[in-house]
Amino acid sequence: MAISLPTPSTNTGTNDWQDVFNNDDALVTEFDARDDNYQTILSGSGNYPASTSGTRYFTAVGNLTDGPKLTGSAQTGVGLALIYFDDADYTIASKTQKLRIRAQQATIGTGPGTTLTVGLYGVTAISGGVFTVATVTTGSTVAFASTAANTLAQANSGDFTIPADGYYIVGVANSGTTAGSSSHDLHFQLQTRWV
């Protein structure tokens, strides 16, 4: 973000103008620096249970559901943490927007024995209360491979290119079936910054 200000040399006459210019210049510098910092635009949490396989999706009420289902439909399920992403909402002149997912896993009891991978998924349609979910967005994944029991882990996807405007949800893919007596709390933050 850049702001053009007249310089004191062309607006002489008082020390007050010099103070205003210095303060505004400092403010511009601070905002330019903050563009590089990550800002969270969506977050969620849920539990991936024992003896479970397949991809599950974060819901709006803090859980993971076994399918992309809509609350109140003929399907059993709860509302997903759905976001409509429009890059125009975040555009900053002369800057390139990036996204990333930061995720955390708390493994309780037995380790899963599988890899749990958090990622961003596009939603392309809805029919009969069930969303059609696209493949995971390239570069958006965070994998937790066979974490040990009673372990806290965290990682991030690194920056990835902003996807096309549209609807998105965050899911957790499983490479197999989680072990019995295992339980895994997962958390995510979808973040953005400008470079």
N, C-alpha and C. Protein backbone atom coordinates (compact mmCIF):
# COMPACT_ATOMS: atom_id res chain seq x y z
N MET A 1 0.86 -1.16 0.00
CA MET A 1 0.00 0.00 0.00
C MET A 1 0.90 1.22 0.00
N ALA A 2 0.67 2.14 -0.92
CA ALA A 2 1.50 3.33 -1.00
C ALA A 2 0.60 4.57 -1.04
N ILE A 3 1.01 5.61 -0.36
CA ILE A 3 0.27 6.87 -0.31
C ILE A 3 1.20 7.98 -0.74
N SER A 4 0.75 8.81 -1.68
CA SER A 4 1.57 9.94 -2.13
C SER A 4 1.23 11.17 -1.30
N LEU A 5 2.25 11.76 -0.73
CA LEU A 5 2.06 12.95 0.09
C LEU A 5 2.93 14.08 -0.44
N PRO A 6 2.44 15.32 -0.37
CA PRO A 6 3.32 16.44 -0.72
C PRO A 6 4.43 16.57 0.31
N THR A 7 5.59 16.99 -0.11
CA THR A 7 6.71 17.11 0.82
C THR A 7 6.67 18.46 1.52
N PRO A 8 7.27 18.53 2.71
CA PRO A 8 7.28 19.81 3.45
C PRO A 8 7.95 20.93 2.67
N SER A 9 8.91 20.61 1.81
CA SER A 9 9.64 21.66 1.10
C SER A 9 8.72 22.44 0.17
N THR A 10 7.61 21.83 -0.27
CA THR A 10 6.68 22.56 -1.13
C THR A 10 5.51 23.13 -0.35
N ASN A 11 5.50 22.92 0.95
CA ASN A 11 4.43 23.41 1.82
C ASN A 11 5.04 23.98 3.09
N THR A 12 5.90 24.93 2.91
CA THR A 12 6.62 25.48 4.06
C THR A 12 5.74 26.44 4.85
N GLY A 13 6.19 26.75 6.05
CA GLY A 13 5.49 27.78 6.80
C GLY A 13 5.30 27.43 8.25
N THR A 14 5.15 26.12 8.56
CA THR A 14 4.96 25.76 9.97
C THR A 14 5.65 24.45 10.27
N ASN A 15 6.04 24.29 11.53
CA ASN A 15 6.60 23.01 11.97
C ASN A 15 5.52 21.95 12.06
N ASP A 16 4.25 22.40 12.18
CA ASP A 16 3.15 21.44 12.28
C ASP A 16 3.09 20.54 11.05
N TRP A 17 3.28 21.09 9.87
CA TRP A 17 3.22 20.28 8.65
C TRP A 17 4.33 19.24 8.64
N GLN A 18 5.51 19.61 9.11
CA GLN A 18 6.61 18.64 9.18
C GLN A 18 6.23 17.47 10.07
N ASP A 19 5.57 17.74 11.19
CA ASP A 19 5.14 16.67 12.10
C ASP A 19 4.12 15.76 11.42
N VAL A 20 3.16 16.36 10.71
CA VAL A 20 2.14 15.58 10.01
C VAL A 20 2.80 14.68 8.97
N PHE A 21 3.71 15.24 8.19
CA PHE A 21 4.39 14.46 7.16
C PHE A 21 5.17 13.30 7.78
N ASN A 22 5.92 13.56 8.84
CA ASN A 22 6.71 12.50 9.48
C ASN A 22 5.82 11.38 10.01
N ASN A 23 4.69 11.77 10.63
CA ASN A 23 3.79 10.76 11.17
C ASN A 23 3.16 9.93 10.06
N ASP A 24 2.72 10.57 8.98
CA ASP A 24 2.12 9.84 7.87
C ASP A 24 3.13 8.96 7.17
N ASP A 25 4.35 9.45 7.04
CA ASP A 25 5.40 8.65 6.40
C ASP A 25 5.69 7.40 7.22
N ALA A 26 5.71 7.54 8.53
CA ALA A 26 5.93 6.38 9.41
C ALA A 26 4.78 5.39 9.29
N LEU A 27 3.55 5.90 9.16
CA LEU A 27 2.38 5.03 9.03
C LEU A 27 2.43 4.25 7.72
N VAL A 28 2.79 4.90 6.63
CA VAL A 28 2.93 4.22 5.33
C VAL A 28 3.96 3.11 5.43
N THR A 29 5.08 3.39 6.06
CA THR A 29 6.14 2.38 6.21
C THR A 29 5.64 1.17 6.99
N GLU A 30 4.87 1.44 8.06
CA GLU A 30 4.36 0.34 8.87
C GLU A 30 3.38 -0.53 8.09
N PHE A 31 2.50 0.09 7.31
CA PHE A 31 1.53 -0.70 6.54
C PHE A 31 2.22 -1.48 5.43
N ASP A 32 3.21 -0.90 4.77
CA ASP A 32 3.95 -1.62 3.74
C ASP A 32 4.63 -2.85 4.33
N ALA A 33 5.17 -2.73 5.54
CA ALA A 33 5.85 -3.86 6.19
C ALA A 33 4.85 -4.94 6.57
N ARG A 34 3.64 -4.54 6.99
CA ARG A 34 2.64 -5.52 7.41
C ARG A 34 2.11 -6.35 6.25
N ASP A 35 2.21 -5.86 5.02
CA ASP A 35 1.74 -6.63 3.87
C ASP A 35 2.41 -7.99 3.81
N ASP A 36 3.66 -8.09 4.26
CA ASP A 36 4.42 -9.34 4.20
C ASP A 36 4.04 -10.30 5.32
N ASN A 37 3.32 -9.84 6.32
CA ASN A 37 2.92 -10.69 7.44
C ASN A 37 1.67 -11.48 7.09
N TYR A 38 1.56 -12.69 7.65
CA TYR A 38 0.38 -13.52 7.38
C TYR A 38 -0.82 -13.03 8.18
N GLN A 39 -1.99 -13.07 7.53
CA GLN A 39 -3.25 -12.74 8.17
C GLN A 39 -4.20 -13.92 7.97
N THR A 40 -4.85 -14.36 9.03
CA THR A 40 -5.74 -15.51 8.97
C THR A 40 -7.11 -15.08 8.44
N ILE A 41 -7.61 -15.80 7.41
CA ILE A 41 -8.92 -15.48 6.84
C ILE A 41 -9.95 -16.59 7.09
N LEU A 42 -9.51 -17.77 7.54
CA LEU A 42 -10.43 -18.85 7.88
C LEU A 42 -9.70 -19.80 8.82
N SER A 43 -10.40 -20.31 9.83
CA SER A 43 -9.78 -21.28 10.73
C SER A 43 -10.82 -22.30 11.15
N GLY A 44 -10.34 -23.43 11.68
CA GLY A 44 -11.26 -24.45 12.14
C GLY A 44 -10.53 -25.54 12.90
N SER A 45 -11.30 -26.42 13.53
CA SER A 45 -10.72 -27.54 14.27
C SER A 45 -11.70 -28.70 14.26
N GLY A 46 -11.17 -29.90 14.53
CA GLY A 46 -12.03 -31.07 14.58
C GLY A 46 -11.23 -32.29 15.01
N ASN A 47 -11.93 -33.40 15.21
CA ASN A 47 -11.30 -34.64 15.67
C ASN A 47 -11.43 -35.71 14.60
N TYR A 48 -10.28 -36.32 14.23
CA TYR A 48 -10.29 -37.46 13.32
C TYR A 48 -10.23 -38.71 14.19
N PRO A 49 -11.31 -39.52 14.21
CA PRO A 49 -11.41 -40.61 15.19
C PRO A 49 -10.65 -41.87 14.82
N ALA A 50 -10.62 -42.80 15.77
CA ALA A 50 -9.97 -44.10 15.59
C ALA A 50 -10.73 -44.95 14.57
N SER A 51 -10.01 -45.89 13.98
CA SER A 51 -10.59 -46.88 13.06
C SER A 51 -11.40 -46.24 11.95
N THR A 52 -10.88 -45.15 11.40
CA THR A 52 -11.59 -44.38 10.38
C THR A 52 -10.69 -44.18 9.17
N SER A 53 -11.31 -44.14 7.99
CA SER A 53 -10.56 -43.89 6.76
C SER A 53 -11.29 -42.84 5.93
N GLY A 54 -10.65 -42.42 4.86
CA GLY A 54 -11.27 -41.46 3.94
C GLY A 54 -10.99 -40.03 4.31
N THR A 55 -11.48 -39.13 3.45
CA THR A 55 -11.31 -37.69 3.66
C THR A 55 -12.49 -37.15 4.46
N ARG A 56 -12.18 -36.37 5.48
CA ARG A 56 -13.20 -35.73 6.30
C ARG A 56 -13.00 -34.22 6.20
N TYR A 57 -14.07 -33.46 6.45
CA TYR A 57 -14.04 -32.01 6.21
C TYR A 57 -14.39 -31.24 7.48
N PHE A 58 -13.71 -30.11 7.67
CA PHE A 58 -13.97 -29.27 8.84
C PHE A 58 -15.35 -28.63 8.72
N THR A 59 -16.08 -28.64 9.84
CA THR A 59 -17.41 -28.06 9.86
C THR A 59 -17.40 -26.69 10.52
N ALA A 60 -18.53 -26.02 10.41
CA ALA A 60 -18.65 -24.68 10.98
C ALA A 60 -18.82 -24.72 12.50
N VAL A 61 -19.03 -25.91 13.06
CA VAL A 61 -19.25 -26.01 14.51
C VAL A 61 -18.10 -26.73 15.21
N GLY A 62 -16.94 -26.79 14.56
CA GLY A 62 -15.76 -27.33 15.23
C GLY A 62 -15.73 -28.83 15.28
N ASN A 63 -15.84 -29.48 14.14
CA ASN A 63 -15.73 -30.93 14.09
C ASN A 63 -15.30 -31.32 12.68
N LEU A 64 -15.11 -32.62 12.46
CA LEU A 64 -14.83 -33.15 11.13
C LEU A 64 -15.98 -34.06 10.74
N THR A 65 -16.56 -33.85 9.55
CA THR A 65 -17.66 -34.69 9.09
C THR A 65 -17.15 -35.67 8.05
N ASP A 66 -17.84 -36.82 7.94
CA ASP A 66 -17.37 -37.87 7.04
C ASP A 66 -17.74 -37.65 5.59
N GLY A 67 -18.41 -36.57 5.28
CA GLY A 67 -18.75 -36.28 3.89
C GLY A 67 -19.10 -34.83 3.70
N PRO A 68 -19.03 -34.34 2.46
CA PRO A 68 -19.33 -32.93 2.19
C PRO A 68 -20.82 -32.69 2.12
N LYS A 69 -21.47 -32.66 3.28
CA LYS A 69 -22.93 -32.61 3.36
C LYS A 69 -23.39 -31.27 3.93
N LEU A 70 -24.60 -30.92 3.57
CA LEU A 70 -25.17 -29.65 3.97
C LEU A 70 -26.18 -29.85 5.10
N THR A 71 -26.13 -29.01 6.12
CA THR A 71 -27.09 -29.08 7.22
C THR A 71 -28.52 -28.91 6.69
N GLY A 72 -29.43 -29.69 7.23
CA GLY A 72 -30.84 -29.55 6.87
C GLY A 72 -31.23 -30.26 5.59
N SER A 73 -30.27 -30.94 4.96
CA SER A 73 -30.58 -31.67 3.74
C SER A 73 -31.09 -33.05 4.09
N ALA A 74 -31.36 -33.83 3.05
CA ALA A 74 -31.78 -35.21 3.28
C ALA A 74 -30.62 -36.05 3.82
N GLN A 75 -29.42 -35.53 3.70
CA GLN A 75 -28.24 -36.24 4.20
C GLN A 75 -28.06 -35.96 5.68
N THR A 76 -27.40 -36.88 6.37
CA THR A 76 -27.05 -36.64 7.76
C THR A 76 -25.71 -35.92 7.78
N GLY A 77 -25.64 -34.83 8.48
CA GLY A 77 -24.37 -34.11 8.52
C GLY A 77 -24.54 -32.73 9.13
N VAL A 78 -23.47 -32.01 9.18
CA VAL A 78 -23.49 -30.65 9.70
C VAL A 78 -22.84 -29.73 8.68
N GLY A 79 -23.12 -28.43 8.80
CA GLY A 79 -22.61 -27.47 7.84
C GLY A 79 -21.09 -27.39 7.83
N LEU A 80 -20.52 -27.33 6.62
CA LEU A 80 -19.08 -27.24 6.48
C LEU A 80 -18.60 -25.80 6.66
N ALA A 81 -17.31 -25.65 6.99
CA ALA A 81 -16.69 -24.33 7.10
C ALA A 81 -16.38 -23.86 5.68
N LEU A 82 -17.40 -23.38 4.99
CA LEU A 82 -17.32 -22.99 3.59
C LEU A 82 -16.93 -21.52 3.49
N ILE A 83 -16.03 -21.22 2.55
CA ILE A 83 -15.65 -19.83 2.30
C ILE A 83 -15.72 -19.58 0.81
N TYR A 84 -16.16 -18.37 0.45
CA TYR A 84 -16.07 -17.95 -0.95
C TYR A 84 -14.84 -17.07 -1.07
N PHE A 85 -13.90 -17.51 -1.87
CA PHE A 85 -12.66 -16.75 -2.04
C PHE A 85 -12.74 -15.92 -3.31
N ASP A 86 -12.54 -14.61 -3.17
CA ASP A 86 -12.50 -13.69 -4.30
C ASP A 86 -11.24 -12.86 -4.15
N ASP A 87 -10.28 -13.04 -5.05
CA ASP A 87 -9.01 -12.35 -4.88
C ASP A 87 -9.16 -10.83 -4.93
N ALA A 88 -10.24 -10.33 -5.55
CA ALA A 88 -10.45 -8.88 -5.60
C ALA A 88 -10.69 -8.30 -4.20
N ASP A 89 -11.14 -9.14 -3.28
CA ASP A 89 -11.35 -8.66 -1.90
C ASP A 89 -10.04 -8.33 -1.21
N TYR A 90 -8.94 -8.84 -1.74
CA TYR A 90 -7.65 -8.71 -1.06
C TYR A 90 -6.58 -8.04 -1.91
N THR A 91 -6.94 -7.52 -3.08
CA THR A 91 -5.97 -6.97 -4.01
C THR A 91 -5.26 -5.75 -3.44
N ILE A 92 -3.93 -5.74 -3.58
CA ILE A 92 -3.11 -4.58 -3.24
C ILE A 92 -2.25 -4.27 -4.44
N ALA A 93 -2.31 -3.05 -4.92
CA ALA A 93 -1.57 -2.66 -6.12
C ALA A 93 -0.09 -2.97 -5.96
N SER A 94 0.50 -3.50 -7.02
CA SER A 94 1.93 -3.82 -7.15
C SER A 94 2.38 -4.92 -6.20
N LYS A 95 1.43 -5.67 -5.61
CA LYS A 95 1.77 -6.79 -4.73
C LYS A 95 1.16 -8.08 -5.29
N THR A 96 1.79 -9.21 -4.98
CA THR A 96 1.27 -10.51 -5.37
C THR A 96 0.75 -11.23 -4.15
N GLN A 97 -0.51 -11.65 -4.19
CA GLN A 97 -1.10 -12.32 -3.04
C GLN A 97 -0.72 -13.79 -3.02
N LYS A 98 -0.44 -14.29 -1.84
CA LYS A 98 -0.15 -15.70 -1.61
C LYS A 98 -1.05 -16.22 -0.50
N LEU A 99 -1.30 -17.52 -0.52
CA LEU A 99 -2.02 -18.20 0.56
C LEU A 99 -1.14 -19.28 1.14
N ARG A 100 -1.45 -19.71 2.35
CA ARG A 100 -0.84 -20.91 2.91
C ARG A 100 -1.79 -21.48 3.96
N ILE A 101 -1.62 -22.75 4.27
CA ILE A 101 -2.34 -23.37 5.38
C ILE A 101 -1.32 -23.71 6.46
N ARG A 102 -1.60 -23.26 7.67
CA ARG A 102 -0.85 -23.69 8.85
C ARG A 102 -1.76 -24.65 9.59
N ALA A 103 -1.22 -25.80 10.03
CA ALA A 103 -2.04 -26.82 10.69
C ALA A 103 -1.33 -27.37 11.92
N GLN A 104 -2.15 -27.86 12.86
CA GLN A 104 -1.64 -28.47 14.08
C GLN A 104 -2.36 -29.80 14.30
N GLN A 105 -1.63 -30.76 14.88
CA GLN A 105 -2.22 -32.05 15.22
C GLN A 105 -1.84 -32.42 16.65
N ALA A 106 -2.83 -32.81 17.44
CA ALA A 106 -2.60 -33.34 18.78
C ALA A 106 -3.04 -34.79 18.76
N THR A 107 -2.07 -35.70 18.90
CA THR A 107 -2.37 -37.13 18.86
C THR A 107 -2.55 -37.65 20.28
N ILE A 108 -3.71 -38.26 20.53
CA ILE A 108 -4.06 -38.74 21.86
C ILE A 108 -4.07 -40.27 21.83
N GLY A 109 -3.56 -40.88 22.88
CA GLY A 109 -3.55 -42.34 22.91
C GLY A 109 -2.62 -42.91 21.86
N THR A 110 -3.08 -43.89 21.13
CA THR A 110 -2.27 -44.55 20.11
C THR A 110 -2.08 -43.64 18.90
N GLY A 111 -0.90 -43.70 18.28
CA GLY A 111 -0.67 -42.96 17.04
C GLY A 111 -1.54 -43.52 15.92
N PRO A 112 -1.79 -42.76 14.86
CA PRO A 112 -2.72 -43.20 13.82
C PRO A 112 -2.19 -44.34 12.96
N GLY A 113 -0.86 -44.40 12.78
CA GLY A 113 -0.31 -45.40 11.88
C GLY A 113 -0.54 -45.06 10.42
N THR A 114 -1.05 -43.88 10.14
CA THR A 114 -1.30 -43.40 8.78
C THR A 114 -0.82 -41.96 8.66
N THR A 115 -0.89 -41.43 7.45
CA THR A 115 -0.59 -40.01 7.23
C THR A 115 -1.89 -39.25 7.08
N LEU A 116 -2.08 -38.24 7.92
CA LEU A 116 -3.23 -37.35 7.83
C LEU A 116 -2.78 -36.05 7.17
N THR A 117 -3.44 -35.66 6.07
CA THR A 117 -3.00 -34.52 5.28
C THR A 117 -4.11 -33.48 5.17
N VAL A 118 -3.85 -32.30 5.72
CA VAL A 118 -4.79 -31.18 5.65
C VAL A 118 -4.58 -30.45 4.33
N GLY A 119 -5.67 -30.05 3.67
CA GLY A 119 -5.55 -29.33 2.40
C GLY A 119 -6.81 -28.56 2.06
N LEU A 120 -6.68 -27.65 1.09
CA LEU A 120 -7.77 -26.80 0.62
C LEU A 120 -8.42 -27.43 -0.60
N TYR A 121 -9.76 -27.57 -0.57
CA TYR A 121 -10.50 -28.21 -1.65
C TYR A 121 -11.53 -27.25 -2.23
N GLY A 122 -11.63 -27.21 -3.55
CA GLY A 122 -12.66 -26.42 -4.19
C GLY A 122 -14.00 -27.15 -4.14
N VAL A 123 -15.08 -26.37 -4.06
CA VAL A 123 -16.44 -26.92 -4.12
C VAL A 123 -17.05 -26.42 -5.42
N THR A 124 -17.47 -27.36 -6.29
CA THR A 124 -17.90 -26.98 -7.63
C THR A 124 -19.40 -27.04 -7.85
N ALA A 125 -20.14 -27.75 -6.99
CA ALA A 125 -21.59 -27.87 -7.18
C ALA A 125 -22.22 -28.40 -5.90
N ILE A 126 -23.54 -28.36 -5.85
CA ILE A 126 -24.29 -28.97 -4.76
C ILE A 126 -25.54 -29.62 -5.33
N SER A 127 -25.87 -30.81 -4.87
CA SER A 127 -27.06 -31.50 -5.32
C SER A 127 -27.54 -32.42 -4.21
N GLY A 128 -28.82 -32.33 -3.88
CA GLY A 128 -29.38 -33.18 -2.84
C GLY A 128 -28.70 -33.00 -1.49
N GLY A 129 -28.18 -31.80 -1.26
CA GLY A 129 -27.53 -31.53 0.02
C GLY A 129 -26.10 -31.99 0.12
N VAL A 130 -25.52 -32.47 -0.99
CA VAL A 130 -24.14 -32.94 -0.98
C VAL A 130 -23.31 -32.09 -1.93
N PHE A 131 -22.17 -31.60 -1.45
CA PHE A 131 -21.27 -30.81 -2.28
C PHE A 131 -20.43 -31.71 -3.18
N THR A 132 -20.16 -31.24 -4.38
CA THR A 132 -19.17 -31.87 -5.24
C THR A 132 -17.84 -31.20 -4.95
N VAL A 133 -16.86 -32.01 -4.53
CA VAL A 133 -15.57 -31.47 -4.09
C VAL A 133 -14.51 -31.80 -5.13
N ALA A 134 -13.75 -30.80 -5.53
CA ALA A 134 -12.67 -30.97 -6.50
C ALA A 134 -11.44 -31.57 -5.81
N THR A 135 -10.41 -31.84 -6.59
CA THR A 135 -9.15 -32.32 -6.02
C THR A 135 -8.52 -31.23 -5.17
N VAL A 136 -7.61 -31.63 -4.32
CA VAL A 136 -6.97 -30.68 -3.42
C VAL A 136 -6.19 -29.64 -4.21
N THR A 137 -6.20 -28.41 -3.73
CA THR A 137 -5.49 -27.31 -4.38
C THR A 137 -3.98 -27.53 -4.33
N THR A 138 -3.33 -27.42 -5.46
CA THR A 138 -1.89 -27.64 -5.55
C THR A 138 -1.13 -26.73 -4.58
N GLY A 139 -0.24 -27.34 -3.81
CA GLY A 139 0.61 -26.58 -2.89
C GLY A 139 0.00 -26.28 -1.55
N SER A 140 -1.27 -26.70 -1.32
CA SER A 140 -1.96 -26.30 -0.09
C SER A 140 -1.88 -27.33 1.04
N THR A 141 -1.19 -28.45 0.81
CA THR A 141 -1.28 -29.55 1.78
C THR A 141 -0.24 -29.48 2.90
N VAL A 142 -0.66 -30.00 4.06
CA VAL A 142 0.20 -30.15 5.23
C VAL A 142 0.03 -31.58 5.72
N ALA A 143 1.10 -32.38 5.66
CA ALA A 143 1.01 -33.81 5.99
C ALA A 143 1.61 -34.10 7.37
N PHE A 144 0.89 -34.92 8.14
CA PHE A 144 1.36 -35.43 9.42
C PHE A 144 1.51 -36.94 9.27
N ALA A 145 2.75 -37.41 9.17
CA ALA A 145 3.02 -38.81 8.85
C ALA A 145 3.24 -39.63 10.12
N SER A 146 2.32 -40.56 10.38
CA SER A 146 2.46 -41.54 11.47
C SER A 146 2.97 -40.91 12.76
N THR A 147 2.30 -39.89 13.22
CA THR A 147 2.71 -39.23 14.46
C THR A 147 2.61 -40.19 15.65
N ALA A 148 3.47 -40.00 16.60
CA ALA A 148 3.49 -40.86 17.79
C ALA A 148 2.37 -40.49 18.75
N ALA A 149 2.08 -41.40 19.67
CA ALA A 149 1.07 -41.14 20.69
C ALA A 149 1.47 -39.94 21.54
N ASN A 150 0.47 -39.20 22.01
CA ASN A 150 0.68 -38.06 22.91
C ASN A 150 1.70 -37.08 22.36
N THR A 151 1.46 -36.69 21.11
CA THR A 151 2.38 -35.79 20.40
C THR A 151 1.65 -34.55 19.93
N LEU A 152 2.32 -33.40 20.06
CA LEU A 152 1.87 -32.16 19.44
C LEU A 152 2.74 -31.92 18.22
N ALA A 153 2.12 -31.63 17.08
CA ALA A 153 2.87 -31.38 15.86
C ALA A 153 2.25 -30.20 15.13
N GLN A 154 3.07 -29.48 14.38
CA GLN A 154 2.57 -28.37 13.58
C GLN A 154 3.44 -28.22 12.35
N ALA A 155 2.86 -27.70 11.29
CA ALA A 155 3.60 -27.45 10.04
C ALA A 155 2.76 -26.51 9.19
N ASN A 156 3.35 -26.06 8.09
CA ASN A 156 2.58 -25.25 7.14
C ASN A 156 2.89 -25.67 5.72
N SER A 157 2.00 -25.31 4.82
CA SER A 157 2.13 -25.73 3.41
C SER A 157 3.17 -24.93 2.66
N GLY A 158 3.58 -23.80 3.21
CA GLY A 158 4.35 -22.85 2.43
C GLY A 158 3.41 -22.07 1.53
N ASP A 159 3.89 -21.00 0.96
CA ASP A 159 3.05 -20.16 0.10
C ASP A 159 2.63 -20.93 -1.15
N PHE A 160 1.36 -20.76 -1.54
CA PHE A 160 0.92 -21.30 -2.81
C PHE A 160 0.13 -20.24 -3.56
N THR A 161 0.03 -20.42 -4.88
CA THR A 161 -0.65 -19.46 -5.74
C THR A 161 -2.13 -19.43 -5.43
N ILE A 162 -2.71 -18.24 -5.38
CA ILE A 162 -4.13 -18.13 -5.08
C ILE A 162 -4.93 -18.87 -6.15
N PRO A 163 -5.95 -19.63 -5.72
CA PRO A 163 -6.75 -20.37 -6.69
C PRO A 163 -7.77 -19.46 -7.37
N ALA A 164 -8.50 -20.03 -8.32
CA ALA A 164 -9.56 -19.28 -8.99
C ALA A 164 -10.64 -18.89 -7.98
N ASP A 165 -11.32 -17.78 -8.25
CA ASP A 165 -12.42 -17.37 -7.39
C ASP A 165 -13.44 -18.51 -7.29
N GLY A 166 -13.94 -18.74 -6.09
CA GLY A 166 -14.93 -19.79 -5.93
C GLY A 166 -15.09 -20.20 -4.48
N TYR A 167 -15.85 -21.28 -4.27
CA TYR A 167 -16.12 -21.81 -2.93
C TYR A 167 -15.05 -22.83 -2.55
N TYR A 168 -14.64 -22.80 -1.27
CA TYR A 168 -13.59 -23.70 -0.80
C TYR A 168 -13.91 -24.21 0.60
N ILE A 169 -13.44 -25.42 0.88
CA ILE A 169 -13.49 -26.01 2.21
C ILE A 169 -12.12 -26.61 2.50
N VAL A 170 -11.86 -26.90 3.76
CA VAL A 170 -10.60 -27.53 4.16
C VAL A 170 -10.91 -28.94 4.65
N GLY A 171 -10.13 -29.89 4.16
CA GLY A 171 -10.35 -31.28 4.52
C GLY A 171 -9.10 -31.96 5.03
N VAL A 172 -9.28 -33.18 5.54
CA VAL A 172 -8.18 -34.01 6.04
C VAL A 172 -8.24 -35.36 5.32
N ALA A 173 -7.28 -35.62 4.45
CA ALA A 173 -7.21 -36.90 3.75
C ALA A 173 -6.39 -37.89 4.59
N ASN A 174 -6.78 -39.15 4.54
CA ASN A 174 -6.12 -40.20 5.32
C ASN A 174 -5.54 -41.24 4.35
N SER A 175 -4.28 -41.61 4.57
CA SER A 175 -3.62 -42.57 3.68
C SER A 175 -4.08 -44.00 3.91
N GLY A 176 -4.84 -44.25 4.97
CA GLY A 176 -5.31 -45.60 5.28
C GLY A 176 -6.42 -45.54 6.30
N THR A 177 -6.40 -46.44 7.26
CA THR A 177 -7.36 -46.45 8.36
C THR A 177 -6.63 -46.21 9.66
N THR A 178 -7.08 -45.23 10.42
CA THR A 178 -6.40 -44.92 11.68
C THR A 178 -6.52 -46.10 12.65
N ALA A 179 -5.52 -46.25 13.48
CA ALA A 179 -5.47 -47.36 14.44
C ALA A 179 -6.59 -47.25 15.46
N GLY A 180 -6.97 -48.41 16.02
CA GLY A 180 -7.93 -48.41 17.11
C GLY A 180 -7.33 -47.72 18.33
N SER A 181 -8.15 -47.14 19.15
CA SER A 181 -7.73 -46.42 20.36
C SER A 181 -6.92 -45.16 20.05
N SER A 182 -6.97 -44.69 18.80
CA SER A 182 -6.28 -43.45 18.47
C SER A 182 -7.30 -42.33 18.30
N SER A 183 -6.88 -41.12 18.56
CA SER A 183 -7.74 -39.96 18.41
C SER A 183 -6.86 -38.76 18.09
N HIS A 184 -7.31 -37.94 17.16
CA HIS A 184 -6.44 -36.88 16.64
C HIS A 184 -7.20 -35.58 16.49
N ASP A 185 -6.86 -34.60 17.31
CA ASP A 185 -7.41 -33.27 17.16
C ASP A 185 -6.59 -32.52 16.11
N LEU A 186 -7.27 -31.97 15.13
CA LEU A 186 -6.61 -31.23 14.06
C LEU A 186 -7.15 -29.81 14.00
N HIS A 187 -6.28 -28.88 13.68
CA HIS A 187 -6.62 -27.47 13.62
C HIS A 187 -5.97 -26.87 12.38
N PHE A 188 -6.62 -25.89 11.78
CA PHE A 188 -6.00 -25.24 10.62
C PHE A 188 -6.28 -23.74 10.65
N GLN A 189 -5.39 -22.99 9.98
CA GLN A 189 -5.59 -21.57 9.71
C GLN A 189 -5.24 -21.34 8.24
N LEU A 190 -6.20 -20.85 7.47
CA LEU A 190 -5.92 -20.43 6.09
C LEU A 190 -5.46 -18.99 6.17
N GLN A 191 -4.25 -18.73 5.68
CA GLN A 191 -3.62 -17.43 5.84
C GLN A 191 -3.26 -16.81 4.50
N THR A 192 -3.16 -15.50 4.48
CA THR A 192 -2.77 -14.79 3.26
C THR A 192 -1.72 -13.75 3.59
N ARG A 193 -0.93 -13.40 2.59
CA ARG A 193 0.01 -12.29 2.67
C ARG A 193 0.31 -11.80 1.27
N TRP A 194 1.01 -10.67 1.17
CA TRP A 194 1.35 -10.06 -0.11
C TRP A 194 2.87 -9.91 -0.20
N VAL A 195 3.43 -10.25 -1.35
CA VAL A 195 4.88 -10.14 -1.54
C VAL A 195 5.20 -9.34 -2.79
